[in-house]
Amino acid sequence: MKSGAPTKHERSAARPPLRPTAVLFALAANMLLVTVTNSLVQTLGWPPEFEVLATLVAPLTAGVLAALYAKVRGGMHAFLGGLLSVPPLMIFVFGGVWQLAIYAACFCTLGGALTEIATRRKTGA
């Protein structure tokens, strides 16, 4: 007789595997959008407060795009892509300031997770 709770194997079988291309897309989108936005802020000589665009808005957009690309488990794909983007962002974009790179990774994850929740409710899955 089977109990009502699904087993570990049944739970893992219900979730599709992570797609390496979607993780790579999240990494590339986060790197591209953060780099372009940061360069734009520095080139145009905007005040340092506009650095928020590079550390919050651009990664959030990258996470949303990654989740839309992945279609399933978008938050996890955005998390892994954002996590992989921390070292290059810290070294090449933010000049060794690791806090900004961590913020960018967190907001990439947040964008992916929120998009996954929004699309999951919309489709009813």
PDB file of N, CA and C in Angstrom:
ATOM      1  N   MET A   1       0.843  -1.180   0.000  1.00  0.00           N
ATOM      2  CA  MET A   1       0.000   0.000   0.000  1.00  0.00           C
ATOM      3  C   MET A   1       0.884   1.238   0.000  1.00  0.00           C
ATOM      4  N   LYS A   2       0.554   2.184  -0.806  1.00  0.00           N
ATOM      5  CA  LYS A   2       1.366   3.378  -0.986  1.00  0.00           C
ATOM      6  C   LYS A   2       0.819   4.529  -0.154  1.00  0.00           C
ATOM      7  N   SER A   3       1.738   5.260   0.483  1.00  0.00           N
ATOM      8  CA  SER A   3       1.306   6.425   1.264  1.00  0.00           C
ATOM      9  C   SER A   3       1.033   7.604   0.332  1.00  0.00           C
ATOM     10  N   GLY A   4       0.438   8.662   0.865  1.00  0.00           N
ATOM     11  CA  GLY A   4       0.058   9.814   0.053  1.00  0.00           C
ATOM     12  C   GLY A   4       1.232  10.695  -0.348  1.00  0.00           C
ATOM     13  N   ALA A   5       2.342  10.656   0.398  1.00  0.00           N
ATOM     14  CA  ALA A   5       3.488  11.509   0.097  1.00  0.00           C
ATOM     15  C   ALA A   5       4.323  10.896  -1.022  1.00  0.00           C
ATOM     16  N   PRO A   6       4.729  11.717  -2.004  1.00  0.00           N
ATOM     17  CA  PRO A   6       5.560  11.180  -3.079  1.00  0.00           C
ATOM     18  C   PRO A   6       6.974  10.879  -2.574  1.00  0.00           C
ATOM     19  N   THR A   7       7.578   9.874  -3.160  1.00  0.00           N
ATOM     20  CA  THR A   7       8.936   9.516  -2.783  1.00  0.00           C
ATOM     21  C   THR A   7       9.922  10.496  -3.413  1.00  0.00           C
ATOM     22  N   LYS A   8      11.174  10.405  -2.975  1.00  0.00           N
ATOM     23  CA  LYS A   8      12.203  11.289  -3.503  1.00  0.00           C
ATOM     24  C   LYS A   8      12.370  11.078  -5.010  1.00  0.00           C
ATOM     25  N   HIS A   9      12.301   9.847  -5.446  1.00  0.00           N
ATOM     26  CA  HIS A   9      12.436   9.539  -6.868  1.00  0.00           C
ATOM     27  C   HIS A   9      11.280  10.130  -7.675  1.00  0.00           C
ATOM     28  N   GLU A  10      10.081  10.062  -7.158  1.00  0.00           N
ATOM     29  CA  GLU A  10       8.916  10.610  -7.861  1.00  0.00           C
ATOM     30  C   GLU A  10       9.000  12.118  -7.955  1.00  0.00           C
ATOM     31  N   ARG A  11       9.486  12.775  -6.882  1.00  0.00           N
ATOM     32  CA  ARG A  11       9.625  14.234  -6.912  1.00  0.00           C
ATOM     33  C   ARG A  11      10.673  14.656  -7.926  1.00  0.00           C
ATOM     34  N   SER A  12      11.816  13.967  -7.970  1.00  0.00           N
ATOM     35  CA  SER A  12      12.874  14.346  -8.902  1.00  0.00           C
ATOM     36  C   SER A  12      12.470  14.036 -10.341  1.00  0.00           C
ATOM     37  N   ALA A  13      11.645  13.022 -10.552  1.00  0.00           N
ATOM     38  CA  ALA A  13      11.203  12.687 -11.900  1.00  0.00           C
ATOM     39  C   ALA A  13      10.219  13.726 -12.428  1.00  0.00           C
ATOM     40  N   ALA A  14       9.517  14.411 -11.537  1.00  0.00           N
ATOM     41  CA  ALA A  14       8.536  15.402 -11.967  1.00  0.00           C
ATOM     42  C   ALA A  14       9.210  16.687 -12.461  1.00  0.00           C
ATOM     43  N   ARG A  15      10.417  16.959 -11.962  1.00  0.00           N
ATOM     44  CA  ARG A  15      11.119  18.171 -12.369  1.00  0.00           C
ATOM     45  C   ARG A  15      12.023  17.875 -13.555  1.00  0.00           C
ATOM     46  N   PRO A  16      11.970  18.686 -14.584  1.00  0.00           N
ATOM     47  CA  PRO A  16      12.879  18.468 -15.710  1.00  0.00           C
ATOM     48  C   PRO A  16      14.306  18.861 -15.315  1.00  0.00           C
ATOM     49  N   PRO A  17      15.286  18.298 -15.979  1.00  0.00           N
ATOM     50  CA  PRO A  17      16.677  18.618 -15.632  1.00  0.00           C
ATOM     51  C   PRO A  17      17.033  20.050 -16.036  1.00  0.00           C
ATOM     52  N   LEU A  18      18.075  20.560 -15.418  1.00  0.00           N
ATOM     53  CA  LEU A  18      18.559  21.890 -15.777  1.00  0.00           C
ATOM     54  C   LEU A  18      19.204  21.838 -17.153  1.00  0.00           C
ATOM     55  N   ARG A  19      19.013  22.899 -17.911  1.00  0.00           N
ATOM     56  CA  ARG A  19      19.581  22.977 -19.251  1.00  0.00           C
ATOM     57  C   ARG A  19      20.856  23.819 -19.206  1.00  0.00           C
ATOM     58  N   PRO A  20      21.991  23.273 -19.603  1.00  0.00           N
ATOM     59  CA  PRO A  20      23.231  24.051 -19.598  1.00  0.00           C
ATOM     60  C   PRO A  20      23.151  25.290 -20.484  1.00  0.00           C
ATOM     61  N   THR A  21      22.400  25.211 -21.564  1.00  0.00           N
ATOM     62  CA  THR A  21      22.296  26.381 -22.440  1.00  0.00           C
ATOM     63  C   THR A  21      21.550  27.522 -21.752  1.00  0.00           C
ATOM     64  N   ALA A  22      20.583  27.195 -20.916  1.00  0.00           N
ATOM     65  CA  ALA A  22      19.849  28.236 -20.200  1.00  0.00           C
ATOM     66  C   ALA A  22      20.718  28.860 -19.104  1.00  0.00           C
ATOM     67  N   VAL A  23      21.560  28.043 -18.461  1.00  0.00           N
ATOM     68  CA  VAL A  23      22.493  28.590 -17.468  1.00  0.00           C
ATOM     69  C   VAL A  23      23.498  29.503 -18.157  1.00  0.00           C
ATOM     70  N   LEU A  24      23.998  29.073 -19.313  1.00  0.00           N
ATOM     71  CA  LEU A  24      24.928  29.896 -20.086  1.00  0.00           C
ATOM     72  C   LEU A  24      24.252  31.181 -20.560  1.00  0.00           C
ATOM     73  N   PHE A  25      22.990  31.097 -20.935  1.00  0.00           N
ATOM     74  CA  PHE A  25      22.254  32.292 -21.338  1.00  0.00           C
ATOM     75  C   PHE A  25      22.139  33.262 -20.175  1.00  0.00           C
ATOM     76  N   ALA A  26      21.840  32.759 -18.978  1.00  0.00           N
ATOM     77  CA  ALA A  26      21.739  33.632 -17.800  1.00  0.00           C
ATOM     78  C   ALA A  26      23.080  34.285 -17.498  1.00  0.00           C
ATOM     79  N   LEU A  27      24.151  33.517 -17.601  1.00  0.00           N
ATOM     80  CA  LEU A  27      25.492  34.060 -17.381  1.00  0.00           C
ATOM     81  C   LEU A  27      25.803  35.155 -18.386  1.00  0.00           C
ATOM     82  N   ALA A  28      25.559  34.876 -19.659  1.00  0.00           N
ATOM     83  CA  ALA A  28      25.859  35.845 -20.706  1.00  0.00           C
ATOM     84  C   ALA A  28      24.982  37.095 -20.600  1.00  0.00           C
ATOM     85  N   ALA A  29      23.712  36.903 -20.314  1.00  0.00           N
ATOM     86  CA  ALA A  29      22.812  38.055 -20.197  1.00  0.00           C
ATOM     87  C   ALA A  29      23.206  38.931 -19.011  1.00  0.00           C
ATOM     88  N   ASN A  30      23.531  38.310 -17.891  1.00  0.00           N
ATOM     89  CA  ASN A  30      23.933  39.082 -16.718  1.00  0.00           C
ATOM     90  C   ASN A  30      25.230  39.835 -16.998  1.00  0.00           C
ATOM     91  N   MET A  31      26.199  39.155 -17.583  1.00  0.00           N
ATOM     92  CA  MET A  31      27.472  39.811 -17.894  1.00  0.00           C
ATOM     93  C   MET A  31      27.265  40.968 -18.877  1.00  0.00           C
ATOM     94  N   LEU A  32      26.517  40.725 -19.930  1.00  0.00           N
ATOM     95  CA  LEU A  32      26.329  41.740 -20.964  1.00  0.00           C
ATOM     96  C   LEU A  32      25.577  42.953 -20.428  1.00  0.00           C
ATOM     97  N   LEU A  33      24.441  42.728 -19.816  1.00  0.00           N
ATOM     98  CA  LEU A  33      23.628  43.857 -19.361  1.00  0.00           C
ATOM     99  C   LEU A  33      24.318  44.661 -18.260  1.00  0.00           C
ATOM    100  N   VAL A  34      24.974  43.983 -17.330  1.00  0.00           N
ATOM    101  CA  VAL A  34      25.669  44.700 -16.261  1.00  0.00           C
ATOM    102  C   VAL A  34      26.860  45.475 -16.815  1.00  0.00           C
ATOM    103  N   THR A  35      27.615  44.859 -17.709  1.00  0.00           N
ATOM    104  CA  THR A  35      28.780  45.529 -18.285  1.00  0.00           C
ATOM    105  C   THR A  35      28.377  46.751 -19.099  1.00  0.00           C
ATOM    106  N   VAL A  36      27.377  46.592 -19.947  1.00  0.00           N
ATOM    107  CA  VAL A  36      26.931  47.710 -20.782  1.00  0.00           C
ATOM    108  C   VAL A  36      26.362  48.840 -19.924  1.00  0.00           C
ATOM    109  N   THR A  37      25.562  48.491 -18.939  1.00  0.00           N
ATOM    110  CA  THR A  37      24.964  49.518 -18.084  1.00  0.00           C
ATOM    111  C   THR A  37      26.018  50.232 -17.254  1.00  0.00           C
ATOM    112  N   ASN A  38      26.966  49.495 -16.712  1.00  0.00           N
ATOM    113  CA  ASN A  38      28.029  50.108 -15.922  1.00  0.00           C
ATOM    114  C   ASN A  38      28.901  51.012 -16.787  1.00  0.00           C
ATOM    115  N   SER A  39      29.217  50.546 -17.989  1.00  0.00           N
ATOM    116  CA  SER A  39      30.006  51.371 -18.910  1.00  0.00           C
ATOM    117  C   SER A  39      29.256  52.631 -19.305  1.00  0.00           C
ATOM    118  N   LEU A  40      27.974  52.520 -19.523  1.00  0.00           N
ATOM    119  CA  LEU A  40      27.155  53.676 -19.872  1.00  0.00           C
ATOM    120  C   LEU A  40      27.142  54.711 -18.755  1.00  0.00           C
ATOM    121  N   VAL A  41      26.991  54.238 -17.518  1.00  0.00           N
ATOM    122  CA  VAL A  41      26.977  55.149 -16.366  1.00  0.00           C
ATOM    123  C   VAL A  41      28.319  55.861 -16.236  1.00  0.00           C
ATOM    124  N   GLN A  42      29.423  55.123 -16.408  1.00  0.00           N
ATOM    125  CA  GLN A  42      30.738  55.732 -16.272  1.00  0.00           C
ATOM    126  C   GLN A  42      31.075  56.643 -17.437  1.00  0.00           C
ATOM    127  N   THR A  43      30.710  56.260 -18.659  1.00  0.00           N
ATOM    128  CA  THR A  43      31.035  57.057 -19.842  1.00  0.00           C
ATOM    129  C   THR A  43      30.270  58.377 -19.860  1.00  0.00           C
ATOM    130  N   LEU A  44      29.013  58.330 -19.497  1.00  0.00           N
ATOM    131  CA  LEU A  44      28.211  59.552 -19.525  1.00  0.00           C
ATOM    132  C   LEU A  44      28.446  60.432 -18.308  1.00  0.00           C
ATOM    133  N   GLY A  45      29.224  59.943 -17.360  1.00  0.00           N
ATOM    134  CA  GLY A  45      29.552  60.742 -16.185  1.00  0.00           C
ATOM    135  C   GLY A  45      28.371  60.982 -15.264  1.00  0.00           C
ATOM    136  N   TRP A  46      27.467  60.035 -15.226  1.00  0.00           N
ATOM    137  CA  TRP A  46      26.319  60.161 -14.331  1.00  0.00           C
ATOM    138  C   TRP A  46      26.780  60.052 -12.885  1.00  0.00           C
ATOM    139  N   PRO A  47      26.009  60.572 -11.967  1.00  0.00           N
ATOM    140  CA  PRO A  47      26.395  60.470 -10.552  1.00  0.00           C
ATOM    141  C   PRO A  47      26.476  59.010 -10.090  1.00  0.00           C
ATOM    142  N   PRO A  48      27.230  58.770  -9.016  1.00  0.00           N
ATOM    143  CA  PRO A  48      27.390  57.389  -8.535  1.00  0.00           C
ATOM    144  C   PRO A  48      26.071  56.714  -8.140  1.00  0.00           C
ATOM    145  N   GLU A  49      25.048  57.488  -7.855  1.00  0.00           N
ATOM    146  CA  GLU A  49      23.757  56.895  -7.508  1.00  0.00           C
ATOM    147  C   GLU A  49      23.177  56.089  -8.656  1.00  0.00           C
ATOM    148  N   PHE A  50      23.568  56.410  -9.870  1.00  0.00           N
ATOM    149  CA  PHE A  50      23.065  55.683 -11.033  1.00  0.00           C
ATOM    150  C   PHE A  50      23.734  54.318 -11.186  1.00  0.00           C
ATOM    151  N   GLU A  51      24.699  54.026 -10.321  1.00  0.00           N
ATOM    152  CA  GLU A  51      25.293  52.694 -10.303  1.00  0.00           C
ATOM    153  C   GLU A  51      24.236  51.650  -9.964  1.00  0.00           C
ATOM    154  N   VAL A  52      23.126  52.097  -9.372  1.00  0.00           N
ATOM    155  CA  VAL A  52      22.001  51.207  -9.068  1.00  0.00           C
ATOM    156  C   VAL A  52      21.495  50.541 -10.349  1.00  0.00           C
ATOM    157  N   LEU A  53      21.562  51.259 -11.449  1.00  0.00           N
ATOM    158  CA  LEU A  53      21.121  50.668 -12.717  1.00  0.00           C
ATOM    159  C   LEU A  53      21.939  49.428 -13.056  1.00  0.00           C
ATOM    160  N   ALA A  54      23.247  49.496 -12.787  1.00  0.00           N
ATOM    161  CA  ALA A  54      24.122  48.376 -13.133  1.00  0.00           C
ATOM    162  C   ALA A  54      24.043  47.243 -12.125  1.00  0.00           C
ATOM    163  N   THR A  55      23.738  47.550 -10.871  1.00  0.00           N
ATOM    164  CA  THR A  55      23.751  46.490  -9.869  1.00  0.00           C
ATOM    165  C   THR A  55      22.366  45.927  -9.550  1.00  0.00           C
ATOM    166  N   LEU A  56      21.317  46.629  -9.910  1.00  0.00           N
ATOM    167  CA  LEU A  56      19.972  46.151  -9.583  1.00  0.00           C
ATOM    168  C   LEU A  56      19.097  45.943 -10.811  1.00  0.00           C
ATOM    169  N   VAL A  57      18.952  46.965 -11.617  1.00  0.00           N
ATOM    170  CA  VAL A  57      18.004  46.913 -12.728  1.00  0.00           C
ATOM    171  C   VAL A  57      18.493  45.980 -13.843  1.00  0.00           C
ATOM    172  N   ALA A  58      19.754  46.098 -14.238  1.00  0.00           N
ATOM    173  CA  ALA A  58      20.277  45.248 -15.319  1.00  0.00           C
ATOM    174  C   ALA A  58      20.267  43.770 -14.942  1.00  0.00           C
ATOM    175  N   PRO A  59      20.722  43.374 -13.735  1.00  0.00           N
ATOM    176  CA  PRO A  59      20.659  41.953 -13.393  1.00  0.00           C
ATOM    177  C   PRO A  59      19.228  41.430 -13.238  1.00  0.00           C
ATOM    178  N   LEU A  60      18.339  42.273 -12.734  1.00  0.00           N
ATOM    179  CA  LEU A  60      16.946  41.860 -12.622  1.00  0.00           C
ATOM    180  C   LEU A  60      16.387  41.561 -14.007  1.00  0.00           C
ATOM    181  N   THR A  61      16.710  42.400 -14.971  1.00  0.00           N
ATOM    182  CA  THR A  61      16.294  42.184 -16.355  1.00  0.00           C
ATOM    183  C   THR A  61      16.927  40.907 -16.918  1.00  0.00           C
ATOM    184  N   ALA A  62      18.189  40.679 -16.595  1.00  0.00           N
ATOM    185  CA  ALA A  62      18.865  39.458 -17.064  1.00  0.00           C
ATOM    186  C   ALA A  62      18.188  38.215 -16.493  1.00  0.00           C
ATOM    187  N   GLY A  63      17.793  38.263 -15.239  1.00  0.00           N
ATOM    188  CA  GLY A  63      17.101  37.129 -14.633  1.00  0.00           C
ATOM    189  C   GLY A  63      15.751  36.864 -15.273  1.00  0.00           C
ATOM    190  N   VAL A  64      15.034  37.938 -15.579  1.00  0.00           N
ATOM    191  CA  VAL A  64      13.734  37.795 -16.247  1.00  0.00           C
ATOM    192  C   VAL A  64      13.928  37.155 -17.625  1.00  0.00           C
ATOM    193  N   LEU A  65      14.906  37.647 -18.372  1.00  0.00           N
ATOM    194  CA  LEU A  65      15.165  37.100 -19.703  1.00  0.00           C
ATOM    195  C   LEU A  65      15.605  35.637 -19.631  1.00  0.00           C
ATOM    196  N   ALA A  66      16.412  35.305 -18.637  1.00  0.00           N
ATOM    197  CA  ALA A  66      16.868  33.915 -18.478  1.00  0.00           C
ATOM    198  C   ALA A  66      15.704  32.994 -18.156  1.00  0.00           C
ATOM    199  N   ALA A  67      14.801  33.437 -17.302  1.00  0.00           N
ATOM    200  CA  ALA A  67      13.649  32.608 -16.952  1.00  0.00           C
ATOM    201  C   ALA A  67      12.715  32.436 -18.148  1.00  0.00           C
ATOM    202  N   LEU A  68      12.558  33.479 -18.926  1.00  0.00           N
ATOM    203  CA  LEU A  68      11.730  33.353 -20.120  1.00  0.00           C
ATOM    204  C   LEU A  68      12.378  32.430 -21.145  1.00  0.00           C
ATOM    205  N   TYR A  69      13.699  32.452 -21.209  1.00  0.00           N
ATOM    206  CA  TYR A  69      14.413  31.566 -22.128  1.00  0.00           C
ATOM    207  C   TYR A  69      14.315  30.112 -21.664  1.00  0.00           C
ATOM    208  N   ALA A  70      14.495  29.895 -20.368  1.00  0.00           N
ATOM    209  CA  ALA A  70      14.501  28.532 -19.825  1.00  0.00           C
ATOM    210  C   ALA A  70      13.102  27.915 -19.818  1.00  0.00           C
ATOM    211  N   LYS A  71      12.090  28.697 -19.624  1.00  0.00           N
ATOM    212  CA  LYS A  71      10.680  28.292 -19.569  1.00  0.00           C
ATOM    213  C   LYS A  71      10.332  27.457 -18.336  1.00  0.00           C
ATOM    214  N   VAL A  72      11.200  26.588 -17.888  1.00  0.00           N
ATOM    215  CA  VAL A  72      10.967  25.753 -16.715  1.00  0.00           C
ATOM    216  C   VAL A  72      12.168  25.890 -15.787  1.00  0.00           C
ATOM    217  N   ARG A  73      11.900  26.040 -14.486  1.00  0.00           N
ATOM    218  CA  ARG A  73      12.949  26.205 -13.474  1.00  0.00           C
ATOM    219  C   ARG A  73      13.825  27.417 -13.777  1.00  0.00           C
ATOM    220  N   GLY A  74      13.176  28.515 -14.157  1.00  0.00           N
ATOM    221  CA  GLY A  74      13.890  29.731 -14.521  1.00  0.00           C
ATOM    222  C   GLY A  74      14.676  30.329 -13.375  1.00  0.00           C
ATOM    223  N   GLY A  75      14.154  30.226 -12.163  1.00  0.00           N
ATOM    224  CA  GLY A  75      14.863  30.768 -11.009  1.00  0.00           C
ATOM    225  C   GLY A  75      16.182  30.066 -10.768  1.00  0.00           C
ATOM    226  N   MET A  76      16.195  28.756 -10.925  1.00  0.00           N
ATOM    227  CA  MET A  76      17.428  27.999 -10.718  1.00  0.00           C
ATOM    228  C   MET A  76      18.450  28.280 -11.816  1.00  0.00           C
ATOM    229  N   HIS A  77      17.984  28.411 -13.045  1.00  0.00           N
ATOM    230  CA  HIS A  77      18.896  28.754 -14.132  1.00  0.00           C
ATOM    231  C   HIS A  77      19.489  30.143 -13.912  1.00  0.00           C
ATOM    232  N   ALA A  78      18.653  31.096 -13.502  1.00  0.00           N
ATOM    233  CA  ALA A  78      19.143  32.450 -13.245  1.00  0.00           C
ATOM    234  C   ALA A  78      20.106  32.461 -12.059  1.00  0.00           C
ATOM    235  N   PHE A  79      19.828  31.646 -11.039  1.00  0.00           N
ATOM    236  CA  PHE A  79      20.719  31.567  -9.884  1.00  0.00           C
ATOM    237  C   PHE A  79      22.098  31.072 -10.296  1.00  0.00           C
ATOM    238  N   LEU A  80      22.142  29.979 -11.049  1.00  0.00           N
ATOM    239  CA  LEU A  80      23.434  29.421 -11.449  1.00  0.00           C
ATOM    240  C   LEU A  80      24.191  30.364 -12.388  1.00  0.00           C
ATOM    241  N   GLY A  81      23.483  30.973 -13.332  1.00  0.00           N
ATOM    242  CA  GLY A  81      24.138  31.935 -14.222  1.00  0.00           C
ATOM    243  C   GLY A  81      24.641  33.154 -13.477  1.00  0.00           C
ATOM    244  N   GLY A  82      23.843  33.652 -12.536  1.00  0.00           N
ATOM    245  CA  GLY A  82      24.273  34.792 -11.730  1.00  0.00           C
ATOM    246  C   GLY A  82      25.454  34.445 -10.850  1.00  0.00           C
ATOM    247  N   LEU A  83      25.444  33.244 -10.285  1.00  0.00           N
ATOM    248  CA  LEU A  83      26.541  32.803  -9.432  1.00  0.00           C
ATOM    249  C   LEU A  83      27.837  32.679 -10.226  1.00  0.00           C
ATOM    250  N   LEU A  84      27.756  32.145 -11.423  1.00  0.00           N
ATOM    251  CA  LEU A  84      28.941  32.016 -12.262  1.00  0.00           C
ATOM    252  C   LEU A  84      29.466  33.367 -12.740  1.00  0.00           C
ATOM    253  N   SER A  85      28.601  34.375 -12.770  1.00  0.00           N
ATOM    254  CA  SER A  85      29.036  35.688 -13.248  1.00  0.00           C
ATOM    255  C   SER A  85      29.710  36.530 -12.172  1.00  0.00           C
ATOM    256  N   VAL A  86      29.693  36.090 -10.920  1.00  0.00           N
ATOM    257  CA  VAL A  86      30.280  36.890  -9.836  1.00  0.00           C
ATOM    258  C   VAL A  86      31.774  37.150 -10.044  1.00  0.00           C
ATOM    259  N   PRO A  87      32.612  36.131 -10.244  1.00  0.00           N
ATOM    260  CA  PRO A  87      34.045  36.427 -10.382  1.00  0.00           C
ATOM    261  C   PRO A  87      34.395  37.350 -11.546  1.00  0.00           C
ATOM    262  N   PRO A  88      33.879  37.104 -12.770  1.00  0.00           N
ATOM    263  CA  PRO A  88      34.240  38.033 -13.844  1.00  0.00           C
ATOM    264  C   PRO A  88      33.685  39.448 -13.634  1.00  0.00           C
ATOM    265  N   LEU A  89      32.474  39.559 -13.075  1.00  0.00           N
ATOM    266  CA  LEU A  89      31.946  40.896 -12.800  1.00  0.00           C
ATOM    267  C   LEU A  89      32.810  41.614 -11.771  1.00  0.00           C
ATOM    268  N   MET A  90      33.210  40.893 -10.740  1.00  0.00           N
ATOM    269  CA  MET A  90      34.022  41.502  -9.697  1.00  0.00           C
ATOM    270  C   MET A  90      35.366  41.979 -10.262  1.00  0.00           C
ATOM    271  N   ILE A  91      35.996  41.163 -11.077  1.00  0.00           N
ATOM    272  CA  ILE A  91      37.332  41.497 -11.567  1.00  0.00           C
ATOM    273  C   ILE A  91      37.294  42.536 -12.684  1.00  0.00           C
ATOM    274  N   PHE A  92      36.445  42.315 -13.684  1.00  0.00           N
ATOM    275  CA  PHE A  92      36.512  43.135 -14.889  1.00  0.00           C
ATOM    276  C   PHE A  92      35.574  44.337 -14.909  1.00  0.00           C
ATOM    277  N   VAL A  93      34.452  44.250 -14.235  1.00  0.00           N
ATOM    278  CA  VAL A  93      33.463  45.331 -14.326  1.00  0.00           C
ATOM    279  C   VAL A  93      33.507  46.249 -13.112  1.00  0.00           C
ATOM    280  N   PHE A  94      33.495  45.661 -11.920  1.00  0.00           N
ATOM    281  CA  PHE A  94      33.398  46.456 -10.708  1.00  0.00           C
ATOM    282  C   PHE A  94      34.744  46.715 -10.042  1.00  0.00           C
ATOM    283  N   GLY A  95      35.833  46.393 -10.682  1.00  0.00           N
ATOM    284  CA  GLY A  95      37.158  46.736 -10.190  1.00  0.00           C
ATOM    285  C   GLY A  95      37.501  46.141  -8.830  1.00  0.00           C
ATOM    286  N   GLY A  96      37.143  44.907  -8.592  1.00  0.00           N
ATOM    287  CA  GLY A  96      37.476  44.240  -7.349  1.00  0.00           C
ATOM    288  C   GLY A  96      36.482  44.419  -6.225  1.00  0.00           C
ATOM    289  N   VAL A  97      35.419  45.159  -6.454  1.00  0.00           N
ATOM    290  CA  VAL A  97      34.402  45.349  -5.420  1.00  0.00           C
ATOM    291  C   VAL A  97      33.436  44.166  -5.501  1.00  0.00           C
ATOM    292  N   TRP A  98      33.646  43.188  -4.619  1.00  0.00           N
ATOM    293  CA  TRP A  98      32.880  41.950  -4.691  1.00  0.00           C
ATOM    294  C   TRP A  98      31.437  42.140  -4.261  1.00  0.00           C
ATOM    295  N   GLN A  99      31.154  43.146  -3.425  1.00  0.00           N
ATOM    296  CA  GLN A  99      29.787  43.342  -2.954  1.00  0.00           C
ATOM    297  C   GLN A  99      28.844  43.646  -4.113  1.00  0.00           C
ATOM    298  N   LEU A 100      29.284  44.474  -5.043  1.00  0.00           N
ATOM    299  CA  LEU A 100      28.432  44.818  -6.189  1.00  0.00           C
ATOM    300  C   LEU A 100      28.184  43.597  -7.077  1.00  0.00           C
ATOM    301  N   ALA A 101      29.197  42.754  -7.217  1.00  0.00           N
ATOM    302  CA  ALA A 101      29.030  41.536  -8.018  1.00  0.00           C
ATOM    303  C   ALA A 101      28.044  40.576  -7.352  1.00  0.00           C
ATOM    304  N   ILE A 102      28.091  40.485  -6.029  1.00  0.00           N
ATOM    305  CA  ILE A 102      27.147  39.632  -5.302  1.00  0.00           C
ATOM    306  C   ILE A 102      25.726  40.178  -5.451  1.00  0.00           C
ATOM    307  N   TYR A 103      25.579  41.509  -5.344  1.00  0.00           N
ATOM    308  CA  TYR A 103      24.255  42.115  -5.544  1.00  0.00           C
ATOM    309  C   TYR A 103      23.721  41.793  -6.935  1.00  0.00           C
ATOM    310  N   ALA A 104      24.590  41.889  -7.937  1.00  0.00           N
ATOM    311  CA  ALA A 104      24.154  41.596  -9.304  1.00  0.00           C
ATOM    312  C   ALA A 104      23.681  40.147  -9.422  1.00  0.00           C
ATOM    313  N   ALA A 105      24.386  39.218  -8.795  1.00  0.00           N
ATOM    314  CA  ALA A 105      23.979  37.817  -8.839  1.00  0.00           C
ATOM    315  C   ALA A 105      22.655  37.606  -8.115  1.00  0.00           C
ATOM    316  N   CYS A 106      22.487  38.265  -6.980  1.00  0.00           N
ATOM    317  CA  CYS A 106      21.241  38.112  -6.213  1.00  0.00           C
ATOM    318  C   CYS A 106      20.039  38.651  -6.982  1.00  0.00           C
ATOM    319  N   PHE A 107      20.209  39.783  -7.621  1.00  0.00           N
ATOM    320  CA  PHE A 107      19.073  40.342  -8.353  1.00  0.00           C
ATOM    321  C   PHE A 107      18.804  39.598  -9.647  1.00  0.00           C
ATOM    322  N   CYS A 108      19.808  38.945 -10.211  1.00  0.00           N
ATOM    323  CA  CYS A 108      19.566  38.061 -11.355  1.00  0.00           C
ATOM    324  C   CYS A 108      18.701  36.885 -10.906  1.00  0.00           C
ATOM    325  N   THR A 109      19.031  36.326  -9.758  1.00  0.00           N
ATOM    326  CA  THR A 109      18.239  35.231  -9.202  1.00  0.00           C
ATOM    327  C   THR A 109      16.817  35.676  -8.896  1.00  0.00           C
ATOM    328  N   LEU A 110      16.695  36.846  -8.304  1.00  0.00           N
ATOM    329  CA  LEU A 110      15.369  37.369  -7.956  1.00  0.00           C
ATOM    330  C   LEU A 110      14.502  37.556  -9.199  1.00  0.00           C
ATOM    331  N   GLY A 111      15.079  38.111 -10.248  1.00  0.00           N
ATOM    332  CA  GLY A 111      14.330  38.292 -11.489  1.00  0.00           C
ATOM    333  C   GLY A 111      13.875  36.971 -12.077  1.00  0.00           C
ATOM    334  N   GLY A 112      14.751  35.970 -12.046  1.00  0.00           N
ATOM    335  CA  GLY A 112      14.383  34.655 -12.560  1.00  0.00           C
ATOM    336  C   GLY A 112      13.310  33.988 -11.723  1.00  0.00           C
ATOM    337  N   ALA A 113      13.435  34.092 -10.401  1.00  0.00           N
ATOM    338  CA  ALA A 113      12.460  33.451  -9.518  1.00  0.00           C
ATOM    339  C   ALA A 113      11.084  34.101  -9.631  1.00  0.00           C
ATOM    340  N   LEU A 114      11.058  35.421  -9.666  1.00  0.00           N
ATOM    341  CA  LEU A 114       9.766  36.115  -9.785  1.00  0.00           C
ATOM    342  C   LEU A 114       9.098  35.825 -11.124  1.00  0.00           C
ATOM    343  N   THR A 115       9.889  35.752 -12.171  1.00  0.00           N
ATOM    344  CA  THR A 115       9.335  35.433 -13.486  1.00  0.00           C
ATOM    345  C   THR A 115       8.815  33.998 -13.518  1.00  0.00           C
ATOM    346  N   GLU A 116       9.547  33.087 -12.891  1.00  0.00           N
ATOM    347  CA  GLU A 116       9.089  31.699 -12.827  1.00  0.00           C
ATOM    348  C   GLU A 116       7.764  31.602 -12.078  1.00  0.00           C
ATOM    349  N   ILE A 117       7.641  32.303 -10.978  1.00  0.00           N
ATOM    350  CA  ILE A 117       6.393  32.291 -10.211  1.00  0.00           C
ATOM    351  C   ILE A 117       5.254  32.890 -11.026  1.00  0.00           C
ATOM    352  N   ALA A 118       5.537  34.001 -11.702  1.00  0.00           N
ATOM    353  CA  ALA A 118       4.496  34.662 -12.495  1.00  0.00           C
ATOM    354  C   ALA A 118       4.031  33.785 -13.654  1.00  0.00           C
ATOM    355  N   THR A 119       4.953  33.126 -14.333  1.00  0.00           N
ATOM    356  CA  THR A 119       4.551  32.287 -15.457  1.00  0.00           C
ATOM    357  C   THR A 119       3.915  30.992 -14.985  1.00  0.00           C
ATOM    358  N   ARG A 120       4.309  30.521 -13.819  1.00  0.00           N
ATOM    359  CA  ARG A 120       3.712  29.294 -13.276  1.00  0.00           C
ATOM    360  C   ARG A 120       2.258  29.534 -12.913  1.00  0.00           C
ATOM    361  N   ARG A 121       1.970  30.671 -12.320  1.00  0.00           N
ATOM    362  CA  ARG A 121       0.569  30.984 -11.954  1.00  0.00           C
ATOM    363  C   ARG A 121      -0.277  31.216 -13.198  1.00  0.00           C
ATOM    364  N   LYS A 122       0.343  31.816 -14.207  1.00  0.00           N
ATOM    365  CA  LYS A 122      -0.407  32.114 -15.407  1.00  0.00           C
ATOM    366  C   LYS A 122      -0.804  30.826 -16.144  1.00  0.00           C
ATOM    367  N   THR A 123       0.100  29.851 -16.175  1.00  0.00           N
ATOM    368  CA  THR A 123      -0.187  28.613 -16.880  1.00  0.00           C
ATOM    369  C   THR A 123      -0.947  27.608 -16.031  1.00  0.00           C
ATOM    370  N   GLY A 124      -0.973  27.843 -14.718  1.00  0.00           N
ATOM    371  CA  GLY A 124      -1.716  26.971 -13.841  1.00  0.00           C
ATOM    372  C   GLY A 124      -0.963  25.728 -13.423  1.00  0.00           C
ATOM    373  N   ALA A 125       0.334  25.666 -13.726  1.00  0.00           N
ATOM    374  CA  ALA A 125       1.123  24.466 -13.374  1.00  0.00           C
ATOM    375  C   ALA A 125       1.629  24.544 -11.940  1.00  0.00           C
TER     376      ALA A 125
END
